[in-house]
Amino acid sequence: MKRTILILTTLLTFLLIWSCISNQEKMENRMKSFISVYEVKAIPLYKESALASWNASITGTTEDYSKSEKASFDYAKIFTDKNAFSELRMIKESKSMKDPLLIRQLELLYDSYLGGQVDTSLIAEQIRMETDISKKYSNFRATVNGKQVSDNEVEKILKNSTNSADLKTAWEGSKMIGPVVASDIIKLVKQRNSIATKIGFSNYHEMSLKLSGQDPAEVTKLFDELDSLTRDNFALLKGDIDSFYSRRYKIKVSDIRPWHYQDRYFQESPEIYPVDLDKYYAKQDPVKLAAAFYDGIGLNVEPILAKSDLYEKPGKNQHAFSTDIDRAGDVRTLNNIRPDLNWMSTILHELGHGVYAYYNDRTLPFTLRDAAHIFTTEAIAEFFGRLAKDPQWMLSMGIIEKNESDLISSDCQKSLRLQMLVFSRWAQVMYRFEKSMYENPNQNLNDLWWKMVEKYQMVTKPEGRNMPDWATKIHIALYPCYYHNYLLGELMASQLYYYITANITKGQTLAGNKAVGDYLREKIFIPGARYYWNDMIEKATGEKLTAKYYAKQFVQ
């Protein structure tokens, strides 16, 4: 009897194991089949959409924007397939797969398809609205004293003029894009919210974070922590800033207004320390410097630059970005380069995005041939972008001599700290404004914007101003619910900085050190999206993402 029971138990165990193995194999085969069908459709449409968007950003023509709108919709339509989503949901709910690469692709594709489970007409309308707004931004030029000027010219006036009337005119001129696009943006916000609620989310902001692998409550908690960490230090520095500007413009501190902070949003570090970094780059070629630097650390960028568009032209997008056209080596960056600190930092930043994409593992499946998260590629871009203000880096690149490096070192360090604190407070404005806007787009957004600016940036609202200044920031319209990733990227950049200086360069400069490129390629770029972002960070640095290194570098 006992022997019979033992035999039956053994047989039952075998059947259960066989059943599990059989179901695992079945589900993994179904996932492999799904991926094969998906890639045949997605890869060419992804490339077509990326190219069309690139061309529209370069030319600004109605024809190219129409092509971009159609290509974007054709690609987005893939993820509206309800049968495909049902297949993914069935595989997901089976919990039978063991292959880590298949599981990771399932996670990413499931979220992508979940975001598309609405009527295609809603998505088509969203893309149409985004395209129309994008065209308006690309073609807008501020009018200053009767003359149309580029964003670069506005920034030049704000940075160099000491005449309050001229500053105000330039600042207000740049803000006139607001009334052009504000009502369109509000309609777009409601359209995005409509899509989000139909899928089961409270609003688009919540949906965006959750579908990108972030917990909105955790992000808000982190922003609350950073607010607490930076508030008092920023208030002290803000006092120094206002005192500096009071002397510079020969006005009372109480008369300082937004146009006095040397950029359109007070998102950049004001030049309150006695070091003019622009003069060191005035006779330099930022593109050649950046190319030489990246080549020196073993990350050649010539294939990226060969396909990039680097200088100003009519109709062209006035901002800067990097794009991966096919996840197979066609990586490009759009810039509007001038020989100054801003564009030196920007080209280093954008090529940081570029090398992340270019040096991926092309043997990975298409879905995993991407950054672990959008903010991890921001981290690499920010890590390199900071170098433009580093006198040791400037020395190693032959921009300045040793005595000059020693002379400006202290002020450069203070300037970078100021930059990080200024940006941190600006990011608070963007994150909290967007969160509140999507929670209630019918509220007085003009008023909300200035309440956020006054609270977090401690900038005085111009008397009687009731303009949609929030709508002048292109990210709010076209790169929604994204800005918090810049600040998360800064946290990771500081974490990388301390790890690399302690373990890779060991106190030596990054320039010319190919071990830096080897480390980034092996630990950050090649893993792609095969790991959840915090797991990748832990594998690369020994710790999950933490704010302590950012605080150590810039707050304490």
Protein backbone atom coordinates (compact mmCIF):
# COMPACT_ATOMS: atom_id res chain seq x y z
CA MET A 1 0.00 0.00 0.00
CA LYS A 2 2.76 2.41 0.96
CA ARG A 3 4.63 1.51 -2.19
CA THR A 4 1.52 2.22 -4.28
CA ILE A 5 1.06 5.60 -2.62
CA LEU A 6 4.73 6.43 -3.22
CA ILE A 7 4.44 5.48 -6.87
CA LEU A 8 1.26 7.57 -7.28
CA THR A 9 2.86 10.54 -5.51
CA THR A 10 5.96 10.31 -7.69
CA LEU A 11 3.83 10.03 -10.81
CA LEU A 12 1.71 13.02 -9.78
CA THR A 13 4.82 15.08 -9.07
CA PHE A 14 6.25 14.14 -12.46
CA LEU A 15 3.02 15.07 -14.20
CA LEU A 16 2.92 18.43 -12.42
CA ILE A 17 6.53 19.18 -13.34
CA TRP A 18 5.92 18.05 -16.91
CA SER A 19 2.80 20.19 -17.07
CA CYS A 20 4.69 23.24 -15.77
CA ILE A 21 7.54 22.69 -18.20
CA SER A 22 5.07 22.14 -21.01
CA ASN A 23 3.15 25.32 -20.15
CA GLN A 24 6.41 27.29 -19.80
CA GLU A 25 7.57 26.11 -23.20
CA LYS A 26 4.15 26.82 -24.69
CA MET A 27 4.03 30.37 -23.36
CA GLU A 28 7.61 31.14 -24.26
CA ASN A 29 6.99 29.92 -27.80
CA ARG A 30 3.87 32.08 -28.00
CA MET A 31 5.87 35.08 -26.79
CA LYS A 32 8.60 34.40 -29.34
CA SER A 33 5.98 34.19 -32.06
CA PHE A 34 4.38 37.43 -30.88
CA ILE A 35 7.72 39.22 -30.93
CA SER A 36 8.52 38.00 -34.44
CA VAL A 37 5.23 39.33 -35.79
CA TYR A 38 5.57 42.55 -33.80
CA GLU A 39 9.10 43.30 -35.01
CA VAL A 40 8.17 42.79 -38.67
CA LYS A 41 5.53 45.52 -38.27
CA ALA A 42 7.17 47.80 -35.71
CA ILE A 43 10.77 48.19 -36.85
CA PRO A 44 10.12 49.80 -40.27
CA LEU A 45 7.33 52.00 -38.89
CA TYR A 46 9.50 53.08 -35.94
CA LYS A 47 12.26 54.09 -38.35
CA GLU A 48 9.86 55.86 -40.70
CA SER A 49 8.35 57.82 -37.80
CA ALA A 50 11.75 58.81 -36.42
CA LEU A 51 12.98 59.97 -39.82
CA ALA A 52 9.81 61.94 -40.53
CA SER A 53 10.03 63.67 -37.15
CA TRP A 54 13.69 64.47 -37.79
CA ASN A 55 12.97 65.99 -41.20
CA ALA A 56 10.12 68.10 -39.83
CA SER A 57 12.37 69.42 -37.04
CA ILE A 58 15.00 70.40 -39.60
CA THR A 59 12.80 72.11 -42.18
CA GLY A 60 9.74 73.29 -40.25
CA THR A 61 7.63 72.91 -43.40
CA THR A 62 3.93 72.04 -43.39
CA GLU A 63 4.59 69.17 -45.79
CA ASP A 64 7.19 67.56 -43.54
CA TYR A 65 5.04 68.00 -40.45
CA SER A 66 2.14 66.32 -42.27
CA LYS A 67 4.40 63.38 -43.12
CA SER A 68 5.58 63.23 -39.51
CA GLU A 69 2.00 63.24 -38.23
CA LYS A 70 1.04 60.33 -40.51
CA ALA A 71 4.16 58.33 -39.68
CA SER A 72 3.68 58.86 -35.94
CA PHE A 73 0.10 57.66 -36.16
CA ASP A 74 1.03 54.60 -38.24
CA TYR A 75 3.55 53.58 -35.59
CA ALA A 76 1.25 54.36 -32.65
CA LYS A 77 -1.57 52.37 -34.29
CA ILE A 78 0.41 49.16 -33.77
CA PHE A 79 -0.25 49.40 -30.03
CA THR A 80 -4.01 49.77 -30.43
CA ASP A 81 -4.38 46.14 -31.60
CA LYS A 82 -6.81 44.61 -29.10
CA ASN A 83 -6.10 41.02 -30.15
CA ALA A 84 -2.38 41.55 -29.67
CA PHE A 85 -2.99 43.05 -26.24
CA SER A 86 -5.21 40.10 -25.27
CA GLU A 87 -2.41 37.74 -26.25
CA LEU A 88 0.10 39.65 -24.12
CA ARG A 89 -2.31 39.75 -21.19
CA MET A 90 -2.90 36.00 -21.41
CA ILE A 91 0.86 35.31 -21.46
CA LYS A 92 1.41 37.73 -18.59
CA GLU A 93 -1.35 36.26 -16.43
CA SER A 94 -0.06 32.71 -16.99
CA LYS A 95 3.14 33.60 -15.11
CA SER A 96 4.72 30.61 -16.81
CA MET A 97 7.75 32.06 -18.60
CA LYS A 98 11.23 31.75 -17.10
CA ASP A 99 13.41 33.27 -19.82
CA PRO A 100 14.46 36.70 -18.41
CA LEU A 101 14.75 38.37 -21.82
CA LEU A 102 11.27 37.22 -22.81
CA ILE A 103 9.85 38.33 -19.46
CA ARG A 104 11.43 41.77 -19.81
CA GLN A 105 10.11 42.20 -23.36
CA LEU A 106 6.67 41.16 -22.13
CA GLU A 107 6.77 43.82 -19.40
CA LEU A 108 7.72 46.59 -21.82
CA LEU A 109 5.40 45.55 -24.64
CA TYR A 110 2.47 45.03 -22.28
CA ASP A 111 2.75 48.61 -21.02
CA SER A 112 3.12 49.93 -24.57
CA TYR A 113 -0.01 48.11 -25.73
CA LEU A 114 -1.92 49.04 -22.58
CA GLY A 115 -1.31 52.70 -23.41
CA GLY A 116 -2.89 52.16 -26.83
CA GLN A 117 -6.10 50.41 -25.81
CA VAL A 118 -8.42 53.19 -26.94
CA ASP A 119 -10.15 54.12 -30.15
CA THR A 120 -7.57 54.91 -32.83
CA SER A 121 -9.40 58.13 -33.63
CA LEU A 122 -8.46 59.47 -30.18
CA ILE A 123 -4.78 58.73 -30.77
CA ALA A 124 -4.92 60.16 -34.29
CA GLU A 125 -6.42 63.35 -32.92
CA GLN A 126 -3.75 63.59 -30.21
CA ILE A 127 -0.98 63.23 -32.77
CA ARG A 128 -2.64 65.79 -35.06
CA MET A 129 -2.83 68.27 -32.20
CA GLU A 130 0.80 67.63 -31.19
CA THR A 131 1.99 68.09 -34.76
CA ASP A 132 0.12 71.38 -35.15
CA ILE A 133 1.56 72.73 -31.90
CA SER A 134 5.07 71.53 -32.78
CA LYS A 135 4.88 73.42 -36.07
CA LYS A 136 3.90 76.61 -34.25
CA TYR A 137 6.85 76.33 -31.87
CA SER A 138 9.30 75.63 -34.69
CA ASN A 139 8.21 78.61 -36.73
CA PHE A 140 7.83 81.12 -33.90
CA ARG A 141 10.44 83.86 -33.59
CA ALA A 142 10.26 86.50 -30.87
CA THR A 143 9.79 90.10 -31.92
CA VAL A 144 12.09 92.46 -30.06
CA ASN A 145 11.97 96.19 -30.90
CA GLY A 146 10.21 95.44 -34.17
CA LYS A 147 12.70 92.79 -35.28
CA GLN A 148 12.23 89.01 -35.34
CA VAL A 149 15.01 87.23 -33.43
CA SER A 150 15.89 83.63 -32.61
CA ASP A 151 15.90 82.08 -29.15
CA ASN A 152 19.69 82.35 -29.21
CA GLU A 153 19.41 86.11 -29.75
CA VAL A 154 16.90 86.45 -26.90
CA GLU A 155 19.21 84.53 -24.59
CA LYS A 156 22.11 86.74 -25.66
CA ILE A 157 20.20 89.90 -24.74
CA LEU A 158 19.09 88.48 -21.39
CA LYS A 159 22.60 87.37 -20.59
CA ASN A 160 24.55 90.45 -21.61
CA SER A 161 22.34 93.53 -21.39
CA THR A 162 22.24 95.59 -18.21
CA ASN A 163 19.34 97.76 -19.35
CA SER A 164 16.16 96.67 -17.55
CA ALA A 165 13.91 98.00 -20.29
CA ASP A 166 15.74 95.99 -22.97
CA LEU A 167 15.68 92.88 -20.78
CA LYS A 168 11.97 93.20 -20.20
CA THR A 169 11.29 93.72 -23.91
CA ALA A 170 13.29 90.61 -24.88
CA TRP A 171 11.73 88.48 -22.12
CA GLU A 172 8.19 89.55 -22.97
CA GLY A 173 8.85 89.05 -26.68
CA SER A 174 9.92 85.46 -26.08
CA LYS A 175 6.72 84.84 -24.09
CA MET A 176 4.42 85.75 -26.99
CA ILE A 177 4.44 82.13 -28.14
CA GLY A 178 2.27 81.48 -25.06
CA PRO A 179 -0.98 83.01 -26.38
CA VAL A 180 -0.36 81.32 -29.74
CA VAL A 181 -0.39 77.79 -28.31
CA ALA A 182 -2.04 77.95 -24.84
CA SER A 183 -5.61 77.07 -25.83
CA ASP A 184 -4.31 74.29 -28.08
CA ILE A 185 -2.28 72.85 -25.23
CA ILE A 186 -5.26 72.84 -22.86
CA LYS A 187 -7.29 70.95 -25.48
CA LEU A 188 -4.37 68.53 -25.89
CA VAL A 189 -4.13 68.00 -22.12
CA LYS A 190 -7.84 67.12 -22.03
CA GLN A 191 -7.38 64.80 -25.02
CA ARG A 192 -4.53 63.00 -23.26
CA ASN A 193 -6.60 62.77 -20.07
CA SER A 194 -9.49 61.31 -22.03
CA ILE A 195 -7.23 58.56 -23.35
CA ALA A 196 -5.80 57.88 -19.88
CA THR A 197 -9.17 57.59 -18.15
CA LYS A 198 -10.49 55.22 -20.81
CA ILE A 199 -7.58 52.89 -20.04
CA GLY A 200 -8.26 53.07 -16.30
CA PHE A 201 -5.91 55.78 -15.02
CA SER A 202 -6.89 58.91 -13.10
CA ASN A 203 -5.19 61.19 -15.61
CA TYR A 204 -2.42 61.32 -18.18
CA HIS A 205 0.27 62.30 -15.68
CA GLU A 206 -0.38 59.18 -13.59
CA MET A 207 -0.53 57.02 -16.72
CA SER A 208 2.75 58.38 -18.10
CA LEU A 209 4.71 57.61 -14.96
CA LYS A 210 3.20 54.19 -14.33
CA LEU A 211 3.60 53.00 -17.91
CA SER A 212 7.26 54.07 -17.81
CA GLY A 213 7.91 51.94 -14.73
CA GLN A 214 7.67 54.69 -12.10
CA ASP A 215 5.43 54.99 -9.06
CA PRO A 216 3.95 58.54 -8.98
CA ALA A 217 3.82 58.49 -5.17
CA GLU A 218 7.51 57.57 -4.97
CA VAL A 219 8.48 60.30 -7.44
CA THR A 220 6.49 62.89 -5.48
CA LYS A 221 8.07 61.65 -2.24
CA LEU A 222 11.51 62.05 -3.78
CA PHE A 223 10.67 65.58 -4.95
CA ASP A 224 9.43 66.41 -1.45
CA GLU A 225 12.74 65.13 -0.06
CA LEU A 226 14.75 67.18 -2.55
CA ASP A 227 12.63 70.24 -1.82
CA SER A 228 13.45 69.86 1.87
CA LEU A 229 17.13 69.24 1.15
CA THR A 230 17.60 72.23 -1.15
CA ARG A 231 15.16 74.86 0.11
CA ASP A 232 17.32 76.54 2.77
CA ASN A 233 20.55 76.37 0.78
CA PHE A 234 18.78 77.76 -2.26
CA ALA A 235 17.25 80.58 -0.20
CA LEU A 236 20.74 81.61 0.94
CA LEU A 237 22.09 81.48 -2.60
CA LYS A 238 19.02 83.29 -3.91
CA GLY A 239 19.89 86.13 -1.53
CA ASP A 240 23.39 86.24 -3.06
CA ILE A 241 21.91 86.16 -6.56
CA ASP A 242 19.52 89.03 -5.89
CA SER A 243 22.25 91.10 -4.25
CA PHE A 244 24.45 90.54 -7.29
CA TYR A 245 21.67 91.58 -9.68
CA SER A 246 20.80 94.59 -7.55
CA ARG A 247 24.35 95.83 -8.11
CA ARG A 248 24.49 94.74 -11.76
CA TYR A 249 21.29 96.51 -12.79
CA LYS A 250 21.52 99.31 -10.23
CA ILE A 251 18.05 98.57 -8.87
CA LYS A 252 16.61 97.62 -5.50
CA VAL A 253 16.33 93.92 -4.68
CA SER A 254 12.57 94.38 -4.43
CA ASP A 255 12.53 95.55 -8.07
CA ILE A 256 14.15 92.39 -9.49
CA ARG A 257 11.83 90.58 -11.90
CA PRO A 258 12.03 87.43 -14.09
CA TRP A 259 13.84 89.18 -16.96
CA HIS A 260 16.77 89.97 -14.69
CA TYR A 261 17.87 86.34 -14.21
CA GLN A 262 19.81 86.01 -17.48
CA ASP A 263 17.60 83.38 -19.09
CA ARG A 264 13.94 83.00 -19.95
CA TYR A 265 13.02 80.64 -17.11
CA PHE A 266 15.70 81.02 -14.42
CA GLN A 267 16.56 77.38 -15.11
CA GLU A 268 20.25 78.03 -15.75
CA SER A 269 22.93 79.11 -13.30
CA PRO A 270 23.26 82.94 -13.19
CA GLU A 271 26.80 84.24 -13.61
CA ILE A 272 27.25 85.69 -10.15
CA TYR A 273 30.79 84.46 -9.61
CA PRO A 274 33.78 86.31 -11.13
CA VAL A 275 34.46 83.78 -13.88
CA ASP A 276 33.26 84.21 -17.45
CA LEU A 277 33.36 80.74 -18.94
CA ASP A 278 31.95 81.99 -22.24
CA LYS A 279 35.25 83.71 -23.03
CA TYR A 280 37.11 80.39 -22.93
CA TYR A 281 34.81 78.92 -25.57
CA ALA A 282 34.46 82.04 -27.75
CA LYS A 283 37.30 80.93 -30.06
CA GLN A 284 36.70 77.21 -29.71
CA ASP A 285 34.69 74.83 -31.89
CA PRO A 286 32.35 73.01 -29.45
CA VAL A 287 31.71 70.22 -31.94
CA LYS A 288 35.41 69.46 -32.48
CA LEU A 289 36.09 69.66 -28.75
CA ALA A 290 33.25 67.29 -27.95
CA ALA A 291 34.29 64.87 -30.70
CA ALA A 292 37.89 64.84 -29.49
CA PHE A 293 36.81 64.23 -25.90
CA TYR A 294 34.49 61.33 -26.69
CA ASP A 295 37.07 59.77 -28.98
CA GLY A 296 39.61 60.04 -26.15
CA ILE A 297 37.49 57.93 -23.82
CA GLY A 298 36.91 55.31 -26.51
CA LEU A 299 33.44 56.42 -27.61
CA ASN A 300 33.96 57.77 -31.12
CA VAL A 301 31.06 60.01 -32.18
CA GLU A 302 31.96 60.73 -35.81
CA PRO A 303 29.20 58.43 -37.16
CA ILE A 304 26.70 60.38 -35.03
CA LEU A 305 27.96 63.81 -36.08
CA ALA A 306 28.01 62.79 -39.74
CA LYS A 307 24.21 62.50 -39.72
CA SER A 308 23.50 65.37 -37.32
CA ASP A 309 22.26 68.90 -37.96
CA LEU A 310 24.30 71.24 -35.80
CA TYR A 311 23.75 74.88 -36.72
CA GLU A 312 20.94 77.45 -36.97
CA LYS A 313 18.72 77.77 -40.00
CA PRO A 314 15.25 79.26 -40.73
CA GLY A 315 12.30 77.07 -39.75
CA LYS A 316 14.48 74.65 -37.80
CA ASN A 317 13.67 73.58 -34.26
CA GLN A 318 15.59 76.00 -32.02
CA HIS A 319 16.19 73.56 -29.21
CA ALA A 320 18.43 70.49 -29.03
CA PHE A 321 17.82 66.76 -28.94
CA SER A 322 19.30 63.41 -29.84
CA THR A 323 17.37 60.71 -31.67
CA ASP A 324 17.94 57.04 -32.41
CA ILE A 325 16.45 56.48 -35.85
CA ASP A 326 16.57 52.67 -36.00
CA ARG A 327 18.26 51.30 -32.83
CA ALA A 328 20.86 49.88 -35.18
CA GLY A 329 23.43 52.65 -35.46
CA ASP A 330 21.63 55.59 -37.08
CA VAL A 331 21.89 58.06 -34.20
CA ARG A 332 21.69 61.83 -34.72
CA THR A 333 21.64 65.05 -32.74
CA LEU A 334 20.01 68.38 -33.54
CA ASN A 335 21.68 71.50 -32.16
CA ASN A 336 22.00 75.22 -32.90
CA ILE A 337 25.68 75.54 -31.99
CA ARG A 338 27.40 78.76 -31.10
CA PRO A 339 30.84 79.10 -29.49
CA ASP A 340 29.79 79.61 -25.88
CA LEU A 341 29.41 77.72 -22.60
CA ASN A 342 25.76 76.87 -23.14
CA TRP A 343 26.31 75.14 -26.44
CA MET A 344 29.53 73.48 -25.30
CA SER A 345 27.56 71.94 -22.47
CA THR A 346 24.65 71.14 -24.78
CA ILE A 347 26.68 69.28 -27.40
CA LEU A 348 28.41 67.24 -24.67
CA HIS A 349 24.94 66.52 -23.25
CA GLU A 350 23.34 65.53 -26.54
CA LEU A 351 26.26 63.32 -27.54
CA GLY A 352 25.86 61.64 -24.14
CA HIS A 353 22.41 60.58 -25.30
CA GLY A 354 23.98 59.68 -28.62
CA VAL A 355 26.66 57.32 -27.33
CA TYR A 356 24.14 55.59 -25.06
CA ALA A 357 22.08 54.73 -28.13
CA TYR A 358 24.93 54.13 -30.58
CA TYR A 359 26.91 51.74 -28.38
CA ASN A 360 24.00 49.49 -27.52
CA ASP A 361 24.06 45.72 -27.91
CA ARG A 362 22.71 45.16 -31.40
CA THR A 363 22.31 41.44 -30.73
CA LEU A 364 19.52 42.27 -28.27
CA PRO A 365 15.92 42.11 -29.46
CA PHE A 366 14.60 45.40 -30.84
CA THR A 367 12.46 46.15 -27.75
CA LEU A 368 15.46 45.83 -25.41
CA ARG A 369 17.80 47.86 -27.64
CA ASP A 370 16.97 50.99 -25.67
CA ALA A 371 17.89 52.74 -22.41
CA ALA A 372 16.91 51.05 -19.15
CA HIS A 373 14.71 54.10 -18.60
CA ILE A 374 14.43 57.51 -20.21
CA PHE A 375 16.05 59.12 -17.15
CA THR A 376 19.09 56.82 -17.30
CA THR A 377 19.99 58.25 -20.70
CA GLU A 378 19.43 61.72 -19.21
CA ALA A 379 21.90 60.75 -16.48
CA ILE A 380 24.63 60.00 -19.02
CA ALA A 381 23.89 63.24 -20.91
CA GLU A 382 23.99 65.26 -17.70
CA PHE A 383 27.14 63.52 -16.50
CA PHE A 384 28.97 64.71 -19.63
CA GLY A 385 27.21 68.07 -19.92
CA ARG A 386 28.59 69.12 -16.53
CA LEU A 387 32.15 68.87 -17.85
CA ALA A 388 31.90 72.18 -19.70
CA LYS A 389 32.19 73.94 -16.33
CA ASP A 390 34.98 71.70 -14.99
CA PRO A 391 38.38 73.48 -15.05
CA GLN A 392 40.22 70.16 -14.83
CA TRP A 393 38.42 68.98 -17.94
CA MET A 394 39.08 72.33 -19.65
CA LEU A 395 42.76 71.98 -18.78
CA SER A 396 42.98 68.41 -20.07
CA MET A 397 41.29 69.47 -23.33
CA GLY A 398 43.78 72.31 -23.88
CA ILE A 399 41.19 75.05 -23.45
CA ILE A 400 43.03 76.73 -20.57
CA GLU A 401 46.45 76.60 -18.94
CA LYS A 402 47.26 75.21 -15.47
CA ASN A 403 47.51 78.61 -13.78
CA GLU A 404 44.13 79.61 -15.20
CA SER A 405 42.60 76.31 -14.08
CA ASP A 406 43.83 76.88 -10.53
CA LEU A 407 42.60 80.47 -10.62
CA ILE A 408 39.01 79.66 -11.59
CA SER A 409 38.62 76.29 -9.86
CA SER A 410 36.85 77.53 -6.73
CA ASP A 411 34.44 79.76 -8.62
CA CYS A 412 33.68 76.99 -11.12
CA GLN A 413 32.84 74.62 -8.30
CA LYS A 414 30.54 77.18 -6.72
CA SER A 415 29.00 77.91 -10.12
CA LEU A 416 28.23 74.22 -10.73
CA ARG A 417 26.71 73.91 -7.27
CA LEU A 418 24.58 76.96 -7.99
CA GLN A 419 23.56 75.48 -11.33
CA MET A 420 22.41 72.26 -9.72
CA LEU A 421 20.42 74.03 -7.02
CA VAL A 422 18.84 76.45 -9.50
CA PHE A 423 17.90 73.60 -11.80
CA SER A 424 16.57 71.51 -8.92
CA ARG A 425 14.16 74.29 -7.95
CA TRP A 426 13.12 74.80 -11.58
CA ALA A 427 12.41 71.08 -11.93
CA GLN A 428 10.13 71.35 -8.89
CA VAL A 429 8.08 73.96 -10.75
CA MET A 430 7.78 71.82 -13.87
CA TYR A 431 6.91 68.57 -12.08
CA ARG A 432 4.34 70.06 -9.73
CA PHE A 433 2.76 72.31 -12.37
CA GLU A 434 2.22 69.44 -14.80
CA LYS A 435 0.93 67.13 -12.09
CA SER A 436 -1.64 69.72 -11.00
CA MET A 437 -2.50 70.69 -14.58
CA TYR A 438 -3.42 67.12 -15.54
CA GLU A 439 -5.35 66.69 -12.29
CA ASN A 440 -7.43 69.77 -13.18
CA PRO A 441 -6.85 71.42 -16.58
CA ASN A 442 -9.79 73.76 -16.01
CA GLN A 443 -8.14 75.66 -13.18
CA ASN A 444 -6.45 79.05 -13.69
CA LEU A 445 -3.16 77.76 -15.14
CA ASN A 446 -1.66 81.25 -15.47
CA ASP A 447 -2.10 81.73 -11.73
CA LEU A 448 -0.94 78.19 -10.91
CA TRP A 449 2.27 78.72 -12.87
CA TRP A 450 3.28 81.84 -10.99
CA LYS A 451 2.36 80.35 -7.62
CA MET A 452 4.79 77.52 -8.38
CA VAL A 453 7.49 79.90 -9.63
CA GLU A 454 7.21 82.12 -6.55
CA LYS A 455 7.20 79.18 -4.14
CA TYR A 456 10.01 77.06 -5.56
CA GLN A 457 12.17 79.56 -7.47
CA MET A 458 11.43 82.52 -5.20
CA VAL A 459 10.98 84.77 -8.24
CA THR A 460 8.55 87.70 -8.03
CA LYS A 461 5.66 87.68 -10.48
CA PRO A 462 5.47 90.85 -12.60
CA GLU A 463 2.69 93.11 -11.35
CA GLY A 464 -0.66 92.47 -13.00
CA ARG A 465 0.69 89.80 -15.34
CA ASN A 466 -1.95 87.34 -16.53
CA MET A 467 -0.39 85.59 -19.50
CA PRO A 468 0.00 81.86 -20.29
CA ASP A 469 3.72 81.89 -19.53
CA TRP A 470 3.54 78.17 -18.73
CA ALA A 471 2.74 77.53 -22.40
CA THR A 472 6.05 79.04 -23.54
CA LYS A 473 7.90 75.95 -22.27
CA ILE A 474 7.85 73.49 -25.16
CA HIS A 475 8.21 70.47 -22.87
CA ILE A 476 4.76 71.02 -21.36
CA ALA A 477 3.14 70.64 -24.76
CA LEU A 478 5.35 68.18 -26.62
CA TYR A 479 7.39 66.28 -24.02
CA PRO A 480 4.74 65.92 -21.30
CA CYS A 481 5.30 64.51 -17.82
CA TYR A 482 8.99 64.18 -18.59
CA TYR A 483 10.81 66.89 -16.70
CA HIS A 484 11.16 64.97 -13.44
CA ASN A 485 13.39 62.58 -15.36
CA TYR A 486 15.99 65.33 -15.75
CA LEU A 487 16.27 65.61 -11.98
CA LEU A 488 16.33 61.84 -11.49
CA GLY A 489 19.06 61.86 -14.12
CA GLU A 490 21.06 64.38 -12.09
CA LEU A 491 20.84 62.06 -9.06
CA MET A 492 22.17 59.17 -11.12
CA ALA A 493 24.84 61.38 -12.71
CA SER A 494 26.19 62.21 -9.23
CA GLN A 495 26.07 58.54 -8.26
CA LEU A 496 28.05 57.68 -11.40
CA TYR A 497 30.48 60.52 -10.74
CA TYR A 498 31.43 59.19 -7.32
CA TYR A 499 31.63 55.59 -8.53
CA ILE A 500 33.76 56.41 -11.58
CA THR A 501 36.15 58.76 -9.75
CA ALA A 502 36.63 56.20 -6.96
CA ASN A 503 36.87 53.04 -9.06
CA ILE A 504 37.71 53.93 -12.66
CA THR A 505 39.69 57.17 -12.92
CA LYS A 506 40.77 57.12 -9.25
CA GLY A 507 40.98 60.89 -9.02
CA GLN A 508 42.42 61.48 -12.49
CA THR A 509 40.64 63.41 -15.24
CA LEU A 510 38.12 61.64 -17.45
CA ALA A 511 39.63 63.01 -20.65
CA GLY A 512 41.76 60.50 -22.52
CA ASN A 513 40.82 57.67 -20.18
CA LYS A 514 39.42 54.84 -22.27
CA ALA A 515 38.54 52.88 -19.13
CA VAL A 516 35.68 55.35 -18.66
CA GLY A 517 34.22 54.47 -22.06
CA ASP A 518 34.75 50.76 -21.41
CA TYR A 519 32.91 50.97 -18.09
CA LEU A 520 29.95 52.91 -19.49
CA ARG A 521 29.70 50.67 -22.54
CA GLU A 522 29.80 47.46 -20.47
CA LYS A 523 27.69 48.48 -17.47
CA ILE A 524 25.23 51.04 -18.88
CA PHE A 525 24.97 50.95 -22.68
CA ILE A 526 25.20 47.25 -23.58
CA PRO A 527 22.66 46.09 -20.96
CA GLY A 528 20.10 48.27 -22.75
CA ALA A 529 16.65 47.68 -21.32
CA ARG A 530 17.22 44.06 -20.34
CA TYR A 531 17.04 45.02 -16.64
CA TYR A 532 14.58 47.10 -14.66
CA TRP A 533 16.22 50.54 -14.32
CA ASN A 534 17.01 50.31 -10.60
CA ASP A 535 18.49 46.84 -11.03
CA MET A 536 20.74 48.17 -13.79
CA ILE A 537 21.90 51.04 -11.57
CA GLU A 538 22.66 48.64 -8.74
CA LYS A 539 24.64 46.34 -11.05
CA ALA A 540 26.60 49.35 -12.38
CA THR A 541 27.32 51.17 -9.11
CA GLY A 542 26.67 48.68 -6.32
CA GLU A 543 23.64 50.64 -5.07
CA LYS A 544 20.13 51.41 -6.17
CA LEU A 545 19.36 55.02 -7.08
CA THR A 546 19.91 57.32 -4.12
CA ALA A 547 19.89 61.08 -3.55
CA LYS A 548 22.83 60.95 -1.13
CA TYR A 549 25.54 61.51 -3.75
CA TYR A 550 23.70 64.45 -5.29
CA ALA A 551 23.33 65.92 -1.79
CA LYS A 552 26.99 65.22 -1.05
CA GLN A 553 28.10 66.90 -4.26
CA PHE A 554 25.84 69.93 -4.33
CA VAL A 555 23.88 70.45 -1.11
CA GLN A 556 25.96 69.60 1.94
